[in-house]
């Protein structure tokens, strides 16, 4: 019985370590297709950012405008780390 408990404790320790490692990796941004067929971006904040394909395309087309806006308003903007 104690041998089984020892094995289970070891297994749980390994599983716990793996979960800690996965959490560190989760700071990366990754994408999934939502149930409704939209693109969800994970890793930017607490909740995913979900937009439909044409919305992502329109947003990405404005990349230069967004970067310019951020640069022009940098003194008013906050950063989150």
C-alpha atoms as a PDB file:
ATOM      1  CA  UNK A   1       0.000   0.000   0.000  1.00  0.00           C
ATOM      2  CA  UNK A   2       2.719   2.534   0.937  1.00  0.00           C
ATOM      3  CA  UNK A   3       4.615   1.653  -2.214  1.00  0.00           C
ATOM      4  CA  UNK A   4       1.538   2.516  -4.288  1.00  0.00           C
ATOM      5  CA  UNK A   5       1.190   5.801  -2.417  1.00  0.00           C
ATOM      6  CA  UNK A   6       4.847   6.624  -3.056  1.00  0.00           C
ATOM      7  CA  UNK A   7       4.410   5.952  -6.764  1.00  0.00           C
ATOM      8  CA  UNK A   8       1.278   8.121  -6.843  1.00  0.00           C
ATOM      9  CA  UNK A   9       3.084  10.967  -5.038  1.00  0.00           C
ATOM     10  CA  UNK A  10       5.940  10.773  -7.545  1.00  0.00           C
ATOM     11  CA  UNK A  11       3.503  10.765 -10.451  1.00  0.00           C
ATOM     12  CA  UNK A  12       1.696  13.810  -9.053  1.00  0.00           C
ATOM     13  CA  UNK A  13       4.994  15.648  -8.482  1.00  0.00           C
ATOM     14  CA  UNK A  14       5.967  15.059 -12.107  1.00  0.00           C
ATOM     15  CA  UNK A  15       2.538  16.135 -13.320  1.00  0.00           C
ATOM     16  CA  UNK A  16       2.714  19.277 -11.190  1.00  0.00           C
ATOM     17  CA  UNK A  17       6.145  20.154 -12.589  1.00  0.00           C
ATOM     18  CA  UNK A  18       4.883  19.654 -16.135  1.00  0.00           C
ATOM     19  CA  UNK A  19       1.937  21.981 -15.455  1.00  0.00           C
ATOM     20  CA  UNK A  20       4.313  24.641 -14.115  1.00  0.00           C
ATOM     21  CA  UNK A  21       6.427  24.378 -17.266  1.00  0.00           C
ATOM     22  CA  UNK A  22       3.326  24.586 -19.479  1.00  0.00           C
ATOM     23  CA  UNK A  23       2.196  27.711 -17.634  1.00  0.00           C
ATOM     24  CA  UNK A  24       5.539  29.393 -18.358  1.00  0.00           C
ATOM     25  CA  UNK A  25       5.118  28.554 -22.049  1.00  0.00           C
ATOM     26  CA  UNK A  26       1.571  29.890 -22.033  1.00  0.00           C
ATOM     27  CA  UNK A  27       2.870  33.468 -22.157  1.00  0.00           C
ATOM     28  CA  UNK A  28       3.252  32.936 -25.889  1.00  0.00           C
ATOM     29  CA  UNK A  29       0.478  34.158 -28.149  1.00  0.00           C
ATOM     30  CA  UNK A  30      -1.378  31.386 -29.931  1.00  0.00           C
ATOM     31  CA  UNK A  31      -4.500  31.117 -32.053  1.00  0.00           C
ATOM     32  CA  UNK A  32      -7.530  28.850 -32.219  1.00  0.00           C
ATOM     33  CA  UNK A  33     -10.658  28.702 -34.346  1.00  0.00           C
ATOM     34  CA  UNK A  34     -13.688  29.427 -32.167  1.00  0.00           C
ATOM     35  CA  UNK A  35     -16.902  27.397 -32.212  1.00  0.00           C
ATOM     36  CA  UNK A  36     -18.488  30.094 -34.388  1.00  0.00           C
ATOM     37  CA  UNK A  37     -15.635  30.055 -36.902  1.00  0.00           C
ATOM     38  CA  UNK A  38     -13.784  33.154 -35.719  1.00  0.00           C
ATOM     39  CA  UNK A  39     -10.068  33.471 -34.879  1.00  0.00           C
ATOM     40  CA  UNK A  40      -9.248  33.747 -31.178  1.00  0.00           C
ATOM     41  CA  UNK A  41      -5.853  35.085 -30.070  1.00  0.00           C
ATOM     42  CA  UNK A  42      -4.790  33.815 -26.642  1.00  0.00           C
ATOM     43  CA  UNK A  43      -1.975  35.103 -24.448  1.00  0.00           C
ATOM     44  CA  UNK A  44      -2.621  38.843 -24.722  1.00  0.00           C
ATOM     45  CA  UNK A  45      -4.615  39.134 -21.516  1.00  0.00           C
ATOM     46  CA  UNK A  46      -6.979  37.294 -19.271  1.00  0.00           C
ATOM     47  CA  UNK A  47      -9.478  36.648 -22.070  1.00  0.00           C
ATOM     48  CA  UNK A  48      -8.894  35.822 -25.733  1.00  0.00           C
ATOM     49  CA  UNK A  49      -9.343  38.436 -28.451  1.00  0.00           C
ATOM     50  CA  UNK A  50     -11.814  36.965 -30.932  1.00  0.00           C
ATOM     51  CA  UNK A  51     -12.541  38.467 -34.338  1.00  0.00           C
ATOM     52  CA  UNK A  52     -13.868  37.065 -37.584  1.00  0.00           C
ATOM     53  CA  UNK A  53     -11.511  36.632 -40.530  1.00  0.00           C
ATOM     54  CA  UNK A  54     -12.531  39.871 -42.267  1.00  0.00           C
ATOM     55  CA  UNK A  55     -12.154  41.803 -38.994  1.00  0.00           C
ATOM     56  CA  UNK A  56      -8.598  40.508 -38.503  1.00  0.00           C
ATOM     57  CA  UNK A  57      -7.801  41.404 -42.114  1.00  0.00           C
ATOM     58  CA  UNK A  58      -9.148  44.950 -41.694  1.00  0.00           C
ATOM     59  CA  UNK A  59      -7.213  45.361 -38.438  1.00  0.00           C
ATOM     60  CA  UNK A  60      -3.979  44.028 -39.922  1.00  0.00           C
ATOM     61  CA  UNK A  61      -4.390  46.339 -42.912  1.00  0.00           C
ATOM     62  CA  UNK A  62      -4.223  49.205 -40.388  1.00  0.00           C
ATOM     63  CA  UNK A  63      -0.998  47.981 -38.770  1.00  0.00           C
ATOM     64  CA  UNK A  64       0.997  51.082 -39.736  1.00  0.00           C
ATOM     65  CA  UNK A  65      -1.777  53.401 -38.508  1.00  0.00           C
ATOM     66  CA  UNK A  66      -1.930  51.562 -35.186  1.00  0.00           C
ATOM     67  CA  UNK A  67       1.844  51.725 -34.692  1.00  0.00           C
ATOM     68  CA  UNK A  68       1.851  55.428 -35.601  1.00  0.00           C
ATOM     69  CA  UNK A  69      -1.024  56.108 -33.193  1.00  0.00           C
ATOM     70  CA  UNK A  70       0.818  54.303 -30.378  1.00  0.00           C
ATOM     71  CA  UNK A  71       3.995  56.264 -31.069  1.00  0.00           C
ATOM     72  CA  UNK A  72       2.144  59.603 -31.158  1.00  0.00           C
ATOM     73  CA  UNK A  73       0.318  58.865 -27.907  1.00  0.00           C
ATOM     74  CA  UNK A  74       3.083  57.043 -26.084  1.00  0.00           C
ATOM     75  CA  UNK A  75       3.162  59.583 -23.226  1.00  0.00           C
ATOM     76  CA  UNK A  76      -0.497  58.876 -22.413  1.00  0.00           C
ATOM     77  CA  UNK A  77      -0.345  55.106 -22.774  1.00  0.00           C
ATOM     78  CA  UNK A  78       0.455  52.649 -20.008  1.00  0.00           C
ATOM     79  CA  UNK A  79       2.279  49.370 -20.308  1.00  0.00           C
ATOM     80  CA  UNK A  80       1.384  46.110 -18.663  1.00  0.00           C
ATOM     81  CA  UNK A  81       4.101  43.647 -17.823  1.00  0.00           C
END
